[in-house]
Amino acid sequence: MTRQILDDSRVHPAIRARIADEGRAVIAEVEAEVAANAVVVVGMGWNPFPAKARKWLDAAGVAYKYLEYGNYASQWRKRLPLKLWTGWTTFPMIFIDGQFIGGYDNLAKLDPATLKKGSRT
């Protein structure tokens, strides 16, 4: 699967570095947690779907790492690069064994018995 992205040749040289660096820190933070944890849920406050995902994982006894980036009124600059990076426009963003699986609806379709058990962090 290849996603469409604006070619560098069409970006003015004066802003290329800014575009390249935008969101690098938050993406690196998520990548580090994905590498260190079998299940990672990236969410935001005031949104019921990250809470539903956490409740589903808790009920299944699945260990996970939860990362929260603001709410509808804050930290949108951290969330936007994550949307561009994953190609997913909503939260939560859920990673299992290093693979992005989508959001809560996608998680709820999985068999909890196939996921690793343990306490959440």
C-alpha atoms as a PDB file:
ATOM      1  CA  MET A   1       0.000   0.000   0.000  1.00  0.00           C
ATOM      2  CA  THR A   2       1.420   3.344  -1.011  1.00  0.00           C
ATOM      3  CA  ARG A   3      -0.092   6.545   0.318  1.00  0.00           C
ATOM      4  CA  GLN A   4       0.005   9.704  -1.689  1.00  0.00           C
ATOM      5  CA  ILE A   5       2.333  12.361  -0.320  1.00  0.00           C
ATOM      6  CA  LEU A   6       3.470  15.640  -1.819  1.00  0.00           C
ATOM      7  CA  ASP A   7       6.811  15.107  -3.554  1.00  0.00           C
ATOM      8  CA  ASP A   8       9.750  17.037  -2.068  1.00  0.00           C
ATOM      9  CA  SER A   9      10.415  18.627  -5.457  1.00  0.00           C
ATOM     10  CA  ARG A  10       7.094  20.449  -5.068  1.00  0.00           C
ATOM     11  CA  VAL A  11       7.959  21.846  -1.621  1.00  0.00           C
ATOM     12  CA  HIS A  12       9.846  25.139  -1.498  1.00  0.00           C
ATOM     13  CA  PRO A  13      13.398  24.635  -0.162  1.00  0.00           C
ATOM     14  CA  ALA A  14      12.855  27.274   2.537  1.00  0.00           C
ATOM     15  CA  ILE A  15      10.277  25.095   4.322  1.00  0.00           C
ATOM     16  CA  ARG A  16      11.532  21.557   3.657  1.00  0.00           C
ATOM     17  CA  ALA A  17      13.369  21.288   6.986  1.00  0.00           C
ATOM     18  CA  ARG A  18      10.329  22.454   8.921  1.00  0.00           C
ATOM     19  CA  ILE A  19       8.130  19.890   7.205  1.00  0.00           C
ATOM     20  CA  ALA A  20      10.698  17.145   7.794  1.00  0.00           C
ATOM     21  CA  ASP A  21      10.962  17.954  11.515  1.00  0.00           C
ATOM     22  CA  GLU A  22       7.261  18.571  12.196  1.00  0.00           C
ATOM     23  CA  GLY A  23       6.053  15.950  14.626  1.00  0.00           C
ATOM     24  CA  ARG A  24       9.322  14.016  14.696  1.00  0.00           C
ATOM     25  CA  ALA A  25       9.455  13.945  18.521  1.00  0.00           C
ATOM     26  CA  VAL A  26       5.922  12.653  19.080  1.00  0.00           C
ATOM     27  CA  ILE A  27       6.304  10.022  16.362  1.00  0.00           C
ATOM     28  CA  ALA A  28       9.593   8.884  17.932  1.00  0.00           C
ATOM     29  CA  GLU A  29       7.862   8.641  21.318  1.00  0.00           C
ATOM     30  CA  VAL A  30       5.097   6.447  19.905  1.00  0.00           C
ATOM     31  CA  GLU A  31       7.583   4.316  17.949  1.00  0.00           C
ATOM     32  CA  ALA A  32       9.628   3.725  21.120  1.00  0.00           C
ATOM     33  CA  GLU A  33       6.550   2.583  23.043  1.00  0.00           C
ATOM     34  CA  VAL A  34       5.436   0.364  20.158  1.00  0.00           C
ATOM     35  CA  ALA A  35       8.889  -1.264  20.181  1.00  0.00           C
ATOM     36  CA  ALA A  36       8.779  -1.749  23.966  1.00  0.00           C
ATOM     37  CA  ASN A  37       5.166  -2.909  24.419  1.00  0.00           C
ATOM     38  CA  ALA A  38       3.066  -5.623  22.796  1.00  0.00           C
ATOM     39  CA  VAL A  39      -0.020  -3.391  22.795  1.00  0.00           C
ATOM     40  CA  VAL A  40      -0.066   0.407  22.591  1.00  0.00           C
ATOM     41  CA  VAL A  41      -3.158   2.599  22.590  1.00  0.00           C
ATOM     42  CA  VAL A  42      -2.680   6.201  21.474  1.00  0.00           C
ATOM     43  CA  GLY A  43      -5.608   8.321  22.553  1.00  0.00           C
ATOM     44  CA  MET A  44      -6.939  11.677  23.581  1.00  0.00           C
ATOM     45  CA  GLY A  45      -9.203  13.009  26.302  1.00  0.00           C
ATOM     46  CA  TRP A  46     -12.925  13.712  25.854  1.00  0.00           C
ATOM     47  CA  ASN A  47     -13.123  11.063  23.131  1.00  0.00           C
ATOM     48  CA  PRO A  48     -15.123   7.971  24.149  1.00  0.00           C
ATOM     49  CA  PHE A  49     -13.384   5.556  21.776  1.00  0.00           C
ATOM     50  CA  PRO A  50      -9.943   5.476  23.467  1.00  0.00           C
ATOM     51  CA  ALA A  51     -11.813   4.831  26.730  1.00  0.00           C
ATOM     52  CA  LYS A  52     -13.759   1.999  25.079  1.00  0.00           C
ATOM     53  CA  ALA A  53     -10.517   0.464  23.810  1.00  0.00           C
ATOM     54  CA  ARG A  54      -8.949   0.613  27.267  1.00  0.00           C
ATOM     55  CA  LYS A  55     -12.054  -0.894  28.852  1.00  0.00           C
ATOM     56  CA  TRP A  56     -12.034  -3.722  26.284  1.00  0.00           C
ATOM     57  CA  LEU A  57      -8.349  -4.462  26.935  1.00  0.00           C
ATOM     58  CA  ASP A  58      -8.810  -4.275  30.726  1.00  0.00           C
ATOM     59  CA  ALA A  59     -11.768  -6.687  30.570  1.00  0.00           C
ATOM     60  CA  ALA A  60      -9.687  -9.067  28.448  1.00  0.00           C
ATOM     61  CA  GLY A  61      -6.749  -8.835  30.871  1.00  0.00           C
ATOM     62  CA  VAL A  62      -4.443  -7.594  28.118  1.00  0.00           C
ATOM     63  CA  ALA A  63      -1.370  -5.554  29.066  1.00  0.00           C
ATOM     64  CA  TYR A  64      -1.036  -2.272  27.191  1.00  0.00           C
ATOM     65  CA  LYS A  65       0.676   1.087  27.233  1.00  0.00           C
ATOM     66  CA  TYR A  66      -1.613   4.114  26.973  1.00  0.00           C
ATOM     67  CA  LEU A  67      -0.381   7.394  25.525  1.00  0.00           C
ATOM     68  CA  GLU A  68      -2.709  10.393  25.712  1.00  0.00           C
ATOM     69  CA  TYR A  69      -2.192  13.547  23.698  1.00  0.00           C
ATOM     70  CA  GLY A  70      -4.511  16.273  24.934  1.00  0.00           C
ATOM     71  CA  ASN A  71      -8.180  16.563  24.072  1.00  0.00           C
ATOM     72  CA  TYR A  72     -10.321  18.368  21.537  1.00  0.00           C
ATOM     73  CA  ALA A  73      -9.126  21.704  22.973  1.00  0.00           C
ATOM     74  CA  SER A  74      -5.419  20.974  23.380  1.00  0.00           C
ATOM     75  CA  GLN A  75      -2.324  19.325  21.882  1.00  0.00           C
ATOM     76  CA  TRP A  76      -3.695  19.099  18.332  1.00  0.00           C
ATOM     77  CA  ARG A  77      -0.167  19.865  17.093  1.00  0.00           C
ATOM     78  CA  LYS A  78       0.981  16.562  18.589  1.00  0.00           C
ATOM     79  CA  ARG A  79      -1.972  14.578  17.249  1.00  0.00           C
ATOM     80  CA  LEU A  80      -1.865  15.886  13.676  1.00  0.00           C
ATOM     81  CA  PRO A  81       1.572  14.387  12.834  1.00  0.00           C
ATOM     82  CA  LEU A  82       0.365  11.029  14.178  1.00  0.00           C
ATOM     83  CA  LYS A  83      -2.596  11.159  11.807  1.00  0.00           C
ATOM     84  CA  LEU A  84      -0.323  11.972   8.883  1.00  0.00           C
ATOM     85  CA  TRP A  85       2.166   9.270   9.904  1.00  0.00           C
ATOM     86  CA  THR A  86      -0.401   6.474  10.233  1.00  0.00           C
ATOM     87  CA  GLY A  87      -2.874   7.674   7.628  1.00  0.00           C
ATOM     88  CA  TRP A  88      -5.578   7.176  10.286  1.00  0.00           C
ATOM     89  CA  THR A  89      -7.678  10.242  11.062  1.00  0.00           C
ATOM     90  CA  THR A  90      -9.328   9.189  14.319  1.00  0.00           C
ATOM     91  CA  PHE A  91      -8.402   8.077  17.825  1.00  0.00           C
ATOM     92  CA  PRO A  92      -7.521   5.725  19.289  1.00  0.00           C
ATOM     93  CA  MET A  93      -4.643   4.435  17.228  1.00  0.00           C
ATOM     94  CA  ILE A  94      -3.868   0.898  18.338  1.00  0.00           C
ATOM     95  CA  PHE A  95      -0.679  -1.069  17.722  1.00  0.00           C
ATOM     96  CA  ILE A  96      -0.383  -4.803  18.424  1.00  0.00           C
ATOM     97  CA  ASP A  97       2.989  -6.543  18.165  1.00  0.00           C
ATOM     98  CA  GLY A  98       4.371  -3.568  16.251  1.00  0.00           C
ATOM     99  CA  GLN A  99       1.566  -3.508  13.707  1.00  0.00           C
ATOM    100  CA  PHE A 100      -0.987  -0.710  13.443  1.00  0.00           C
ATOM    101  CA  ILE A 101      -4.433  -2.330  13.557  1.00  0.00           C
ATOM    102  CA  GLY A 102      -6.677   0.756  13.432  1.00  0.00           C
ATOM    103  CA  GLY A 103      -9.071   1.956  16.124  1.00  0.00           C
ATOM    104  CA  TYR A 104     -11.538   0.629  18.666  1.00  0.00           C
ATOM    105  CA  ASP A 105     -13.894  -0.953  16.124  1.00  0.00           C
ATOM    106  CA  ASN A 106     -10.977  -2.927  14.671  1.00  0.00           C
ATOM    107  CA  LEU A 107      -9.802  -3.979  18.138  1.00  0.00           C
ATOM    108  CA  ALA A 108     -13.284  -5.141  19.138  1.00  0.00           C
ATOM    109  CA  LYS A 109     -13.295  -7.587  16.201  1.00  0.00           C
ATOM    110  CA  LEU A 110     -10.229  -9.431  17.541  1.00  0.00           C
ATOM    111  CA  ASP A 111     -10.310 -12.528  19.708  1.00  0.00           C
ATOM    112  CA  PRO A 112      -8.953 -11.405  23.106  1.00  0.00           C
ATOM    113  CA  ALA A 113      -7.507 -14.895  23.640  1.00  0.00           C
ATOM    114  CA  THR A 114      -4.954 -14.209  20.894  1.00  0.00           C
ATOM    115  CA  LEU A 115      -3.492 -11.191  22.729  1.00  0.00           C
ATOM    116  CA  LYS A 116      -0.825 -11.234  25.428  1.00  0.00           C
ATOM    117  CA  LYS A 117      -2.148 -11.023  28.992  1.00  0.00           C
ATOM    118  CA  GLY A 118      -0.796  -8.943  31.866  1.00  0.00           C
ATOM    119  CA  SER A 119      -1.133  -5.646  33.700  1.00  0.00           C
ATOM    120  CA  ARG A 120      -1.365  -2.342  31.894  1.00  0.00           C
ATOM    121  CA  THR A 121       1.098   0.527  32.190  1.00  0.00           C
END
